[in-house]
Protein backbone atom coordinates (compact mmCIF):
# COMPACT_ATOMS: atom_id res chain seq x y z
CA UNK A 1 13.65 -15.47 -122.82
CA UNK A 2 13.14 -17.52 -126.41
CA UNK A 3 10.05 -16.90 -128.02
CA UNK A 4 8.08 -20.56 -126.98
CA UNK A 5 9.18 -19.31 -123.22
CA UNK A 6 7.03 -16.09 -123.91
CA UNK A 7 4.50 -17.65 -124.90
CA UNK A 8 3.74 -20.73 -122.48
CA UNK A 9 3.78 -17.38 -119.96
CA UNK A 10 1.57 -15.41 -121.95
CA UNK A 11 -1.00 -18.57 -122.05
CA UNK A 12 -0.83 -19.47 -118.25
CA UNK A 13 -1.56 -15.77 -117.42
CA UNK A 14 -4.37 -16.03 -119.86
CA UNK A 15 -5.97 -19.34 -118.06
CA UNK A 16 -4.96 -17.96 -115.00
CA UNK A 17 -6.91 -14.57 -115.77
CA UNK A 18 -10.29 -16.21 -116.77
CA UNK A 19 -9.97 -18.66 -113.71
CA UNK A 20 -12.23 -17.82 -110.77
CA UNK A 21 -14.86 -18.57 -108.10
CA UNK A 22 -17.95 -20.10 -108.99
CA UNK A 23 -21.08 -19.79 -106.83
CA UNK A 24 -21.33 -23.49 -106.64
CA UNK A 25 -17.49 -23.49 -104.52
CA UNK A 26 -19.92 -22.29 -101.26
CA UNK A 27 -22.44 -24.66 -101.73
CA UNK A 28 -21.59 -26.57 -98.33
CA UNK A 29 -20.94 -23.07 -97.20
CA UNK A 30 -23.50 -22.29 -93.76
CA UNK A 31 -25.17 -20.36 -93.05
CA UNK A 32 -27.66 -21.03 -96.19
CA UNK A 33 -28.21 -17.55 -97.45
CA UNK A 34 -32.07 -17.84 -98.78
CA UNK A 35 -32.19 -14.46 -101.02
CA UNK A 36 -35.88 -14.10 -100.08
CA UNK A 37 -35.73 -14.70 -96.53
CA UNK A 38 -32.75 -12.21 -95.82
CA UNK A 39 -34.29 -9.32 -98.33
CA UNK A 40 -37.56 -9.23 -96.82
CA UNK A 41 -38.79 -5.93 -94.40
CA UNK A 42 -36.31 -3.31 -94.09
CA UNK A 43 -32.51 -3.50 -94.14
CA UNK A 44 -29.87 -0.71 -93.60
CA UNK A 45 -26.21 -0.91 -95.20
CA UNK A 46 -22.83 0.77 -95.73
CA UNK A 47 -20.13 1.06 -98.29
CA UNK A 48 -17.70 2.70 -100.37
CA UNK A 49 -16.86 2.91 -103.84
CA UNK A 50 -12.42 2.81 -104.25
CA UNK A 51 -11.26 2.85 -107.53
CA UNK A 52 -8.84 0.63 -109.59
CA UNK A 53 -5.99 2.00 -107.68
CA UNK A 54 -7.86 0.89 -103.99
CA UNK A 55 -8.77 5.01 -103.60
CA UNK A 56 -11.82 5.32 -101.25
CA UNK A 57 -13.81 7.62 -103.84
CA UNK A 58 -17.29 7.49 -101.61
CA UNK A 59 -18.67 6.28 -98.84
CA UNK A 60 -21.99 6.06 -98.85
CA UNK A 61 -25.53 4.60 -96.68
CA UNK A 62 -28.52 3.12 -97.72
CA UNK A 63 -32.06 2.29 -96.18
CA UNK A 64 -33.89 -0.50 -97.96
CA UNK A 65 -37.34 -2.09 -97.80
CA UNK A 66 -37.75 -5.64 -99.47
CA UNK A 67 -40.62 -7.75 -100.00
CA UNK A 68 -41.91 -10.68 -101.62
CA UNK A 69 -45.49 -12.07 -103.25
CA UNK A 70 -44.06 -15.90 -104.32
CA UNK A 71 -41.86 -15.40 -106.43
CA UNK A 72 -41.96 -12.03 -107.72
CA UNK A 73 -39.87 -9.58 -105.38
CA UNK A 74 -38.78 -5.53 -104.93
CA UNK A 75 -36.35 -4.33 -103.35
CA UNK A 76 -36.49 -0.02 -103.11
CA UNK A 77 -33.24 1.30 -102.26
CA UNK A 78 -32.46 5.05 -100.81
CA UNK A 79 -28.85 5.59 -101.16
CA UNK A 80 -27.19 9.01 -99.21
CA UNK A 81 -23.73 9.61 -100.62
CA UNK A 82 -20.73 11.15 -98.96
CA UNK A 83 -20.80 13.89 -101.35
CA UNK A 84 -24.45 14.75 -100.33
CA UNK A 85 -26.17 13.44 -103.12
CA UNK A 86 -28.88 10.73 -103.41
CA UNK A 87 -30.11 8.03 -105.59
CA UNK A 88 -33.15 5.40 -105.53
CA UNK A 89 -33.01 2.26 -107.08
CA UNK A 90 -36.06 -0.41 -107.48
CA UNK A 91 -35.27 -3.51 -107.87
CA UNK A 92 -37.70 -5.67 -109.55
CA UNK A 93 -36.99 -9.35 -108.78
CA UNK A 94 -38.35 -12.79 -109.78
CA UNK A 95 -36.97 -16.17 -108.49
CA UNK A 96 -36.90 -18.55 -111.14
CA UNK A 97 -35.85 -22.02 -109.59
CA UNK A 98 -33.14 -23.86 -108.01
CA UNK A 99 -31.53 -21.01 -106.73
CA UNK A 100 -31.38 -18.81 -109.77
CA UNK A 101 -33.17 -15.40 -109.76
CA UNK A 102 -33.28 -12.61 -112.57
CA UNK A 103 -33.98 -8.76 -112.25
CA UNK A 104 -34.43 -5.35 -113.19
CA UNK A 105 -34.12 -1.73 -112.08
CA UNK A 106 -34.39 1.30 -114.28
CA UNK A 107 -30.45 2.53 -114.51
CA UNK A 108 -29.71 -1.45 -115.11
CA UNK A 109 -28.98 -2.29 -118.77
CA UNK A 110 -31.19 -5.56 -119.58
CA UNK A 111 -31.55 -8.06 -116.73
CA UNK A 112 -29.63 -9.11 -113.57
CA UNK A 113 -28.80 -13.18 -113.69
CA UNK A 114 -27.97 -14.15 -109.86
CA UNK A 115 -27.27 -17.72 -108.13
CA UNK A 116 -27.21 -18.87 -104.96
CA UNK A 117 -25.24 -21.58 -103.13
CA UNK A 118 -24.35 -21.88 -99.39
CA UNK A 119 -23.73 -18.91 -98.32
CA UNK A 120 -23.52 -17.15 -101.47
CA UNK A 121 -25.14 -15.25 -104.15
CA UNK A 122 -23.82 -14.02 -107.57
CA UNK A 123 -25.44 -11.45 -108.89
CA UNK A 124 -23.95 -10.77 -112.79
CA UNK A 125 -25.43 -7.24 -114.55
CA UNK A 126 -24.49 -3.84 -116.86
CA UNK A 127 -25.37 -0.65 -114.59
CA UNK A 128 -25.56 2.82 -116.63
CA UNK A 129 -23.46 4.52 -114.19
CA UNK A 130 -23.37 8.75 -114.52
CA UNK A 131 -19.57 9.58 -114.65
CA UNK A 132 -18.63 13.45 -115.06
CA UNK A 133 -22.13 14.11 -117.31
CA UNK A 134 -22.17 11.08 -119.31
CA UNK A 135 -23.15 7.36 -118.86
CA UNK A 136 -20.97 4.72 -118.86
CA UNK A 137 -22.34 1.13 -119.24
CA UNK A 138 -20.28 -0.79 -116.42
CA UNK A 139 -20.60 -4.65 -115.85
CA UNK A 140 -20.99 -5.95 -112.29
CA UNK A 141 -19.88 -9.37 -110.67
CA UNK A 142 -21.52 -8.67 -107.46
CA UNK A 143 -20.74 -11.20 -104.96
CA UNK A 144 -22.78 -11.57 -101.78
CA UNK A 145 -22.18 -14.04 -98.42
CA UNK A 146 -24.12 -14.29 -95.78
CA UNK A 147 -21.75 -13.83 -92.32
CA UNK A 148 -24.91 -14.69 -89.85
CA UNK A 149 -28.91 -14.40 -89.84
CA UNK A 150 -28.66 -10.58 -89.98
CA UNK A 151 -25.34 -9.78 -92.21
CA UNK A 152 -24.26 -9.79 -95.27
CA UNK A 153 -21.13 -8.68 -96.92
CA UNK A 154 -21.29 -7.73 -100.48
CA UNK A 155 -18.41 -6.97 -102.92
CA UNK A 156 -18.38 -5.88 -106.25
CA UNK A 157 -16.20 -5.89 -108.66
CA UNK A 158 -16.79 -3.14 -111.57
CA UNK A 159 -15.29 -3.11 -115.50
CA UNK A 160 -15.85 -1.38 -118.59
CA UNK A 161 -14.40 -3.24 -121.97
CA UNK A 162 -13.29 -5.87 -119.66
CA UNK A 163 -10.61 -3.57 -117.45
CA UNK A 164 -11.34 -3.12 -114.03
CA UNK A 165 -12.44 0.10 -112.67
CA UNK A 166 -13.18 0.00 -109.61
CA UNK A 167 -15.28 -2.26 -106.43
CA UNK A 168 -17.62 -1.30 -103.81
CA UNK A 169 -17.47 -3.25 -100.67
CA UNK A 170 -21.32 -3.11 -98.50
CA UNK A 171 -22.31 -4.22 -95.46
CA UNK A 172 -25.83 -5.23 -95.39
CA UNK A 173 -27.77 -5.72 -92.03
CA UNK A 174 -31.20 -6.82 -91.53
CA UNK A 175 -33.30 -4.77 -88.72
């Protein structure tokens, strides 16, 4: 291959890597995902973490309770992992209008930003993740899709320094 062909191929790959779905791509999808309505009251979830090769590293279940007071919400999550460890994360959420939300939690670096359209909700945030006695700041691209009035499918891609490190898949059920 000549240099021009290699440069063209590299540019095409770079553009393709940057392309991805946007939450507005789902604007016409039903049922409509109202975050405040779904995340209100008790919920349960089951999920798994897979490493970058796709191997299941850890399974977990989550008990959640959510409540809203106007535009302010709290989502209390209690995780039980397959290795016997537990974790608690309390999200403090705020609706900012037009399907947009922000949130904080003790193990979230800075503020999470989210947006909903149609049946989809997308969160972007950095999680301080304990790994082998150290803490990694890991970027999450977190997608939720309302499948029906009681079920959300949640997919999260995790990266560090722009490199994919794993995924979380989670099914959330409204009790």
